């Protein structure tokens, strides 16, 4: 299984590196796309350089880009993958799976993604790339987090993800003064720094290697890479390692909120030419109705599971959720416990007084050990 994942990743890595004109590739598959199934706050959708605020039911196509600041958005692809783009993210959709398009390929410049894949066939791929790294997926739930200029963070909740540094081998070949020997050594070094993360694992990265890959990519694009700089990369043999990172109760709960709706609704919306506004409105209303029903069901399940634990004092709650919070309600009541999950305007709070589903308007603010988070503007 691991050998198969690595072979797939190697293929993905070289394929990704040849796409330096991000968003310029035209998809011949008109069904290649994803639909906005849930939206919170303001999220910008860029199509052909034009910016609009995203709306429920919007269709995202290859080449489109999403920028979120204080908002977040869930999308479901034609194939059924669920992608959550969190706050302060910048994501380019280089490819999206369709009826004939086998690949979903996202390029993240900054931000935080939570992804739930469907079980893929042998010729299908799902990959998340950053300027220095690519993650190849085959049926899993995982997060991919990137701050600009930093090392990407990948954590697997279920399944397996193959991760590797990447650079542009074709550009290396075009740089004068680089021998085939140096090029082959570079490729070999990158291949040796591939790992397969499994459930409950995250990765540790040698910061020096991450920095060097940034330099190599920039220098190659300008055809100014030197042999010494290339040698510096090939001498770093231990670039990526993996460590145990058990999925926390909060992470488990959030993963469960990646709600999947009937994919026929998504496919209808992707295929919809928007020629009949009434038809479009009906599809969007059905998407909203089903997503609301599914997420209410999930939130009820999370609440029920929390109640079954029987945690009734602060110490037990803090030990289980690794945090202790004070929830100040709008009516003046104060709860001590932990926010288990949040989806839309619903918070699930596990407190010493019980487990509650609270609306955002019910909460004045949440107080942590050293800081506070406002949930609404005080009147």
Protein backbone atom coordinates (compact mmCIF):
# COMPACT_ATOMS: atom_id res chain seq x y z
CA UNK A 1 0.00 0.00 0.00
CA UNK A 2 2.77 2.43 0.95
CA UNK A 3 4.72 1.62 -2.25
CA UNK A 4 1.60 2.37 -4.29
CA UNK A 5 1.08 5.68 -2.50
CA UNK A 6 4.69 6.70 -3.04
CA UNK A 7 4.59 5.82 -6.74
CA UNK A 8 1.43 7.89 -7.08
CA UNK A 9 3.03 10.79 -5.21
CA UNK A 10 6.17 10.75 -7.36
CA UNK A 11 3.98 10.98 -10.44
CA UNK A 12 1.96 13.77 -8.85
CA UNK A 13 5.04 15.69 -7.78
CA UNK A 14 6.49 15.94 -11.28
CA UNK A 15 3.07 16.69 -12.76
CA UNK A 16 2.48 19.53 -10.29
CA UNK A 17 5.87 21.10 -10.95
CA UNK A 18 5.20 21.60 -14.63
CA UNK A 19 2.15 23.78 -13.91
CA UNK A 20 3.71 27.15 -13.23
CA UNK A 21 0.97 29.04 -15.08
CA UNK A 22 -1.52 28.39 -12.33
CA UNK A 23 -5.13 28.62 -13.39
CA UNK A 24 -4.35 28.83 -17.10
CA UNK A 25 -5.19 25.23 -17.90
CA UNK A 26 -8.55 24.88 -19.60
CA UNK A 27 -10.56 21.84 -18.61
CA UNK A 28 -12.34 20.05 -21.44
CA UNK A 29 -14.70 18.43 -18.95
CA UNK A 30 -17.60 20.82 -18.39
CA UNK A 31 -18.66 18.81 -15.34
CA UNK A 32 -15.34 19.52 -13.60
CA UNK A 33 -16.28 21.71 -10.67
CA UNK A 34 -17.38 22.12 -7.06
CA UNK A 35 -20.34 23.78 -5.37
CA UNK A 36 -20.49 26.00 -2.29
CA UNK A 37 -22.65 24.00 0.12
CA UNK A 38 -22.09 26.02 3.30
CA UNK A 39 -20.86 29.53 3.95
CA UNK A 40 -20.04 31.53 7.06
CA UNK A 41 -18.94 35.17 6.90
CA UNK A 42 -17.61 36.87 3.78
CA UNK A 43 -15.53 34.86 1.33
CA UNK A 44 -14.20 36.22 -1.98
CA UNK A 45 -14.49 34.13 -5.13
CA UNK A 46 -12.21 35.14 -8.02
CA UNK A 47 -13.18 34.15 -11.57
CA UNK A 48 -11.06 35.32 -14.50
CA UNK A 49 -9.62 38.11 -12.34
CA UNK A 50 -13.03 39.39 -11.18
CA UNK A 51 -13.86 39.36 -7.48
CA UNK A 52 -17.30 38.67 -6.03
CA UNK A 53 -18.52 37.59 -2.62
CA UNK A 54 -19.25 33.86 -2.66
CA UNK A 55 -22.84 32.70 -2.22
CA UNK A 56 -24.47 29.40 -1.42
CA UNK A 57 -24.73 27.34 -4.61
CA UNK A 58 -21.89 29.10 -6.44
CA UNK A 59 -20.03 26.82 -8.84
CA UNK A 60 -16.24 26.85 -8.60
CA UNK A 61 -14.36 25.84 -11.75
CA UNK A 62 -10.69 25.04 -12.53
CA UNK A 63 -8.73 28.30 -12.48
CA UNK A 64 -10.96 29.92 -9.85
CA UNK A 65 -9.55 31.15 -6.58
CA UNK A 66 -10.99 31.59 -3.09
CA UNK A 67 -9.78 34.15 -0.57
CA UNK A 68 -11.19 34.04 2.93
CA UNK A 69 -10.42 36.47 5.71
CA UNK A 70 -12.98 36.27 8.49
CA UNK A 71 -15.15 33.76 6.65
CA UNK A 72 -15.00 30.08 5.84
CA UNK A 73 -16.63 27.94 3.20
CA UNK A 74 -17.43 24.28 2.50
CA UNK A 75 -17.40 22.96 -1.05
CA UNK A 76 -18.40 19.60 -2.49
CA UNK A 77 -16.89 18.48 -5.80
CA UNK A 78 -18.70 16.77 -8.64
CA UNK A 79 -17.01 13.56 -7.47
CA UNK A 80 -18.08 14.05 -3.85
CA UNK A 81 -14.98 15.35 -2.04
CA UNK A 82 -15.64 17.84 0.79
CA UNK A 83 -13.24 20.76 1.13
CA UNK A 84 -13.42 23.23 4.00
CA UNK A 85 -11.47 26.44 3.48
CA UNK A 86 -11.02 28.19 6.81
CA UNK A 87 -10.33 31.81 7.72
CA UNK A 88 -7.36 33.70 6.24
CA UNK A 89 -6.84 31.27 3.37
CA UNK A 90 -5.84 31.76 -0.26
CA UNK A 91 -6.57 28.72 -2.43
CA UNK A 92 -6.34 28.21 -6.19
CA UNK A 93 -8.31 25.41 -7.85
CA UNK A 94 -5.96 24.18 -10.55
CA UNK A 95 -8.09 21.12 -11.36
CA UNK A 96 -11.42 19.80 -10.15
CA UNK A 97 -12.78 16.32 -10.64
CA UNK A 98 -15.64 15.82 -13.07
CA UNK A 99 -17.28 13.06 -15.04
CA UNK A 100 -14.18 12.66 -17.22
CA UNK A 101 -11.64 14.69 -15.26
CA UNK A 102 -9.92 12.29 -12.79
CA UNK A 103 -8.00 14.84 -10.72
CA UNK A 104 -8.70 17.40 -8.04
CA UNK A 105 -5.65 19.62 -7.54
CA UNK A 106 -5.61 22.54 -5.09
CA UNK A 107 -2.76 25.00 -4.67
CA UNK A 108 -2.67 26.73 -1.27
CA UNK A 109 -0.68 29.94 -0.92
CA UNK A 110 -1.71 30.42 2.72
CA UNK A 111 -4.35 29.22 5.11
CA UNK A 112 -5.93 26.10 6.51
CA UNK A 113 -7.85 23.34 4.75
CA UNK A 114 -9.78 20.38 6.09
CA UNK A 115 -10.42 17.77 3.40
CA UNK A 116 -12.55 14.65 3.24
CA UNK A 117 -11.88 12.52 0.19
CA UNK A 118 -14.02 9.85 -1.40
CA UNK A 119 -12.56 6.44 -2.19
CA UNK A 120 -10.61 6.98 -5.41
CA UNK A 121 -10.09 4.65 -8.32
CA UNK A 122 -6.64 3.74 -9.62
CA UNK A 123 -6.60 6.54 -12.22
CA UNK A 124 -8.00 9.22 -9.92
CA UNK A 125 -6.05 11.63 -7.72
CA UNK A 126 -6.54 14.29 -5.10
CA UNK A 127 -3.57 16.50 -4.29
CA UNK A 128 -2.91 19.62 -2.23
CA UNK A 129 0.19 21.63 -3.12
CA UNK A 130 2.04 24.55 -1.58
CA UNK A 131 5.11 26.40 -2.93
CA UNK A 132 7.39 23.69 -1.51
CA UNK A 133 5.28 20.63 -0.77
CA UNK A 134 2.68 18.30 -2.27
CA UNK A 135 0.31 15.93 -0.46
CA UNK A 136 -1.20 13.06 -2.45
CA UNK A 137 -4.39 11.49 -1.10
CA UNK A 138 -6.33 8.29 -1.62
CA UNK A 139 -9.49 8.26 0.51
CA UNK A 140 -8.89 10.07 3.76
CA UNK A 141 -9.64 12.97 6.11
CA UNK A 142 -6.75 15.34 6.75
CA UNK A 143 -5.78 18.95 7.39
CA UNK A 144 -3.24 21.05 5.48
CA UNK A 145 -2.13 24.30 7.10
CA UNK A 146 0.28 26.86 5.71
CA UNK A 147 1.44 30.25 6.93
CA UNK A 148 3.30 32.29 4.33
CA UNK A 149 7.01 31.58 4.44
CA UNK A 150 6.61 28.73 6.93
CA UNK A 151 6.68 24.96 6.81
CA UNK A 152 3.34 23.35 5.85
CA UNK A 153 1.60 21.30 8.54
CA UNK A 154 -0.18 18.12 7.50
CA UNK A 155 -2.16 15.94 9.90
CA UNK A 156 -4.09 12.79 9.02
CA UNK A 157 -7.35 12.00 10.82
CA UNK A 158 -8.28 8.92 8.77
CA UNK A 159 -6.59 6.98 5.95
CA UNK A 160 -3.17 7.89 4.55
CA UNK A 161 -1.49 10.85 2.85
CA UNK A 162 1.83 10.75 0.96
CA UNK A 163 3.85 13.95 1.47
CA UNK A 164 7.00 15.22 -0.27
CA UNK A 165 8.93 18.37 -1.02
CA UNK A 166 8.73 19.43 -4.62
CA UNK A 167 10.65 21.54 -7.09
CA UNK A 168 10.66 21.99 -10.84
CA UNK A 169 12.90 19.38 -12.46
CA UNK A 170 12.18 20.63 -15.97
CA UNK A 171 13.37 24.09 -14.96
CA UNK A 172 16.51 22.56 -13.47
CA UNK A 173 17.26 20.97 -16.82
CA UNK A 174 16.98 24.34 -18.54
CA UNK A 175 19.49 26.08 -16.29
CA UNK A 176 22.89 26.39 -17.90
CA UNK A 177 25.80 24.88 -16.01
CA UNK A 178 23.81 22.15 -14.25
CA UNK A 179 24.92 18.66 -15.13
CA UNK A 180 22.61 15.69 -15.50
CA UNK A 181 24.38 14.24 -12.47
CA UNK A 182 23.36 17.18 -10.29
CA UNK A 183 19.82 17.06 -11.63
CA UNK A 184 19.55 13.32 -10.92
CA UNK A 185 20.90 13.85 -7.40
CA UNK A 186 18.31 16.55 -6.74
CA UNK A 187 15.45 14.30 -7.84
CA UNK A 188 16.86 11.43 -5.77
CA UNK A 189 17.07 13.64 -2.68
CA UNK A 190 13.47 14.76 -3.04
CA UNK A 191 12.26 11.20 -3.54
CA UNK A 192 14.10 10.09 -0.41
CA UNK A 193 12.33 12.80 1.57
CA UNK A 194 8.87 11.36 0.85
CA UNK A 195 6.84 9.94 3.71
CA UNK A 196 3.40 8.37 4.12
CA UNK A 197 1.39 9.75 7.02
CA UNK A 198 -1.30 7.54 8.47
CA UNK A 199 -4.18 8.09 10.89
CA UNK A 200 -3.10 9.97 14.01
CA UNK A 201 0.19 11.15 12.53
CA UNK A 202 1.57 14.53 11.59
CA UNK A 203 4.90 15.50 10.04
CA UNK A 204 8.02 17.22 11.25
CA UNK A 205 10.11 19.10 8.70
CA UNK A 206 13.74 20.11 8.71
CA UNK A 207 13.36 23.92 8.46
CA UNK A 208 16.69 24.18 6.64
CA UNK A 209 15.44 21.90 3.88
CA UNK A 210 12.17 23.83 3.60
CA UNK A 211 14.11 27.10 3.29
CA UNK A 212 16.47 25.59 0.74
CA UNK A 213 13.60 24.35 -1.41
CA UNK A 214 12.13 27.88 -1.44
CA UNK A 215 15.49 29.22 -2.60
CA UNK A 216 15.93 26.54 -5.23
CA UNK A 217 12.44 27.16 -6.66
CA UNK A 218 13.02 30.93 -6.85
CA UNK A 219 16.50 30.60 -8.30
CA UNK A 220 15.44 28.06 -10.90
CA UNK A 221 12.67 30.30 -12.13
CA UNK A 222 15.29 33.01 -12.69
CA UNK A 223 17.85 30.54 -14.13
CA UNK A 224 20.33 31.67 -11.49
CA UNK A 225 20.81 28.58 -9.36
CA UNK A 226 24.43 27.68 -8.53
CA UNK A 227 26.05 24.30 -8.03
CA UNK A 228 26.81 25.17 -4.41
CA UNK A 229 23.16 25.93 -3.69
CA UNK A 230 22.08 22.71 -5.33
CA UNK A 231 24.67 20.80 -3.33
CA UNK A 232 23.26 22.36 -0.16
CA UNK A 233 19.92 20.77 -0.95
CA UNK A 234 21.23 17.35 -1.83
CA UNK A 235 23.23 17.13 1.39
CA UNK A 236 20.08 17.32 3.54
CA UNK A 237 19.04 13.70 3.72
CA UNK A 238 16.59 13.91 6.61
CA UNK A 239 14.02 16.45 5.54
CA UNK A 240 10.67 15.03 6.64
CA UNK A 241 9.79 12.72 9.48
CA UNK A 242 6.49 11.73 11.05
CA UNK A 243 5.37 11.80 14.67
CA UNK A 244 2.36 10.50 16.53
CA UNK A 245 -0.37 13.09 16.92
CA UNK A 246 -3.60 11.49 18.17
CA UNK A 247 -6.79 13.05 16.84
CA UNK A 248 -8.23 15.21 19.62
CA UNK A 249 -11.93 15.20 20.54
CA UNK A 250 -12.29 18.67 19.02
CA UNK A 251 -10.60 17.58 15.78
CA UNK A 252 -12.79 14.49 15.61
CA UNK A 253 -15.89 16.61 16.12
CA UNK A 254 -14.86 19.09 13.43
CA UNK A 255 -14.15 16.30 10.96
CA UNK A 256 -17.67 15.00 11.57
CA UNK A 257 -19.08 18.40 10.59
CA UNK A 258 -17.75 17.97 7.04
CA UNK A 259 -21.28 17.32 5.88
CA UNK A 260 -21.83 15.50 2.59
CA UNK A 261 -25.10 16.11 0.76
CA UNK A 262 -26.67 14.00 -1.99
CA UNK A 263 -24.11 14.32 -4.77
CA UNK A 264 -26.80 14.40 -7.45
CA UNK A 265 -27.67 17.91 -6.21
CA UNK A 266 -24.06 19.01 -6.62
CA UNK A 267 -23.87 17.47 -10.07
CA UNK A 268 -27.10 19.16 -11.16
CA UNK A 269 -25.76 22.53 -10.05
CA UNK A 270 -22.39 22.05 -11.78
CA UNK A 271 -24.16 21.03 -14.99
CA UNK A 272 -26.76 23.80 -14.66
CA UNK A 273 -26.29 26.51 -17.29
CA UNK A 274 -28.26 29.03 -15.20
CA UNK A 275 -30.52 29.68 -18.19
CA UNK A 276 -33.63 29.28 -16.04
CA UNK A 277 -33.41 31.27 -12.75
CA UNK A 278 -36.30 29.28 -11.26
CA UNK A 279 -34.43 25.99 -11.78
CA UNK A 280 -31.25 27.46 -10.29
CA UNK A 281 -33.13 28.75 -7.26
CA UNK A 282 -34.78 25.37 -6.71
CA UNK A 283 -31.44 23.54 -6.78
CA UNK A 284 -29.82 26.01 -4.37
CA UNK A 285 -32.78 25.79 -1.99
CA UNK A 286 -32.53 22.00 -2.00
CA UNK A 287 -28.79 22.18 -1.30
CA UNK A 288 -29.39 24.54 1.62
CA UNK A 289 -32.24 22.41 3.00
CA UNK A 290 -30.33 19.13 2.85
CA UNK A 291 -27.12 20.58 4.27
CA UNK A 292 -29.04 22.10 7.18
CA UNK A 293 -30.75 18.78 7.87
CA UNK A 294 -27.46 16.84 7.72
CA UNK A 295 -25.51 19.26 9.89
CA UNK A 296 -28.28 19.36 12.52
CA UNK A 297 -28.10 15.58 12.62
CA UNK A 298 -24.32 15.68 13.04
CA UNK A 299 -24.49 18.31 15.79
CA UNK A 300 -27.09 16.22 17.63
CA UNK A 301 -24.82 13.17 17.40
CA UNK A 302 -21.83 15.14 18.73
CA UNK A 303 -23.96 16.43 21.60
CA UNK A 304 -25.20 12.92 22.44
CA UNK A 305 -21.67 11.48 22.42
CA UNK A 306 -20.47 14.26 24.74
CA UNK A 307 -23.34 13.59 27.15
CA UNK A 308 -22.45 9.88 27.28
CA UNK A 309 -18.99 10.71 28.67
CA UNK A 310 -20.47 11.91 31.93
CA UNK A 311 -17.78 14.53 32.52
CA UNK A 312 -19.05 16.77 35.31
CA UNK A 313 -16.06 18.64 36.77
CA UNK A 314 -13.53 21.08 35.37
CA UNK A 315 -10.54 18.77 35.75
CA UNK A 316 -12.14 15.94 33.75
CA UNK A 317 -13.33 18.31 31.03
CA UNK A 318 -9.91 19.95 30.76
CA UNK A 319 -8.12 16.59 30.62
CA UNK A 320 -10.43 15.33 27.88
CA UNK A 321 -10.52 18.42 25.66
CA UNK A 322 -7.06 19.78 26.57
CA UNK A 323 -8.62 23.17 27.27
CA UNK A 324 -10.81 24.87 29.87
CA UNK A 325 -12.92 27.81 28.84
CA UNK A 326 -15.44 30.12 30.47
CA UNK A 327 -18.50 30.76 28.31
CA UNK A 328 -20.26 34.01 29.21
CA UNK A 329 -23.86 33.92 28.00
CA UNK A 330 -25.84 36.96 26.95
CA UNK A 331 -28.28 36.43 29.82
CA UNK A 332 -25.47 36.74 32.38
CA UNK A 333 -25.09 33.01 33.04
CA UNK A 334 -21.51 31.69 33.09
CA UNK A 335 -20.55 28.16 32.05
CA UNK A 336 -17.19 26.51 32.75
CA UNK A 337 -16.12 23.86 30.27
CA UNK A 338 -15.10 23.58 26.62
CA UNK A 339 -16.49 24.47 23.20
CA UNK A 340 -16.57 21.02 21.58
CA UNK A 341 -17.55 22.12 18.08
CA UNK A 342 -18.96 25.00 16.09
CA UNK A 343 -20.77 24.94 12.78
CA UNK A 344 -22.38 28.09 11.49
CA UNK A 345 -24.09 29.89 14.35
CA UNK A 346 -24.31 26.80 16.61
CA UNK A 347 -21.83 26.09 19.41
CA UNK A 348 -21.73 22.80 21.30
CA UNK A 349 -20.57 23.49 24.84
CA UNK A 350 -19.59 20.74 27.28
CA UNK A 351 -19.82 22.35 30.73
CA UNK A 352 -19.96 21.29 34.35
CA UNK A 353 -23.72 21.98 34.14
CA UNK A 354 -24.23 19.72 31.13
CA UNK A 355 -23.86 19.69 27.34
CA UNK A 356 -25.66 22.45 25.44
CA UNK A 357 -26.22 23.62 21.89
CA UNK A 358 -26.03 27.41 21.98
CA UNK A 359 -26.61 29.91 19.21
CA UNK A 360 -23.99 32.56 18.64
CA UNK A 361 -26.44 35.21 19.89
CA UNK A 362 -26.70 33.32 23.18
CA UNK A 363 -22.97 33.85 23.87
CA UNK A 364 -21.41 37.19 24.78
CA UNK A 365 -17.83 35.92 24.73
CA UNK A 366 -15.63 32.92 25.41
CA UNK A 367 -12.79 33.42 27.88
CA UNK A 368 -9.66 31.29 27.74
CA UNK A 369 -6.85 31.25 30.27
CA UNK A 370 -5.11 34.37 28.98
CA UNK A 371 -7.42 35.92 26.40
CA UNK A 372 -11.01 36.40 25.30
CA UNK A 373 -12.78 35.76 22.00
CA UNK A 374 -15.86 37.87 21.26
CA UNK A 375 -18.66 36.03 19.48
CA UNK A 376 -20.74 39.10 18.68
CA UNK A 377 -20.61 42.86 18.87
CA UNK A 378 -21.86 44.24 22.14
CA UNK A 379 -24.80 46.62 21.87
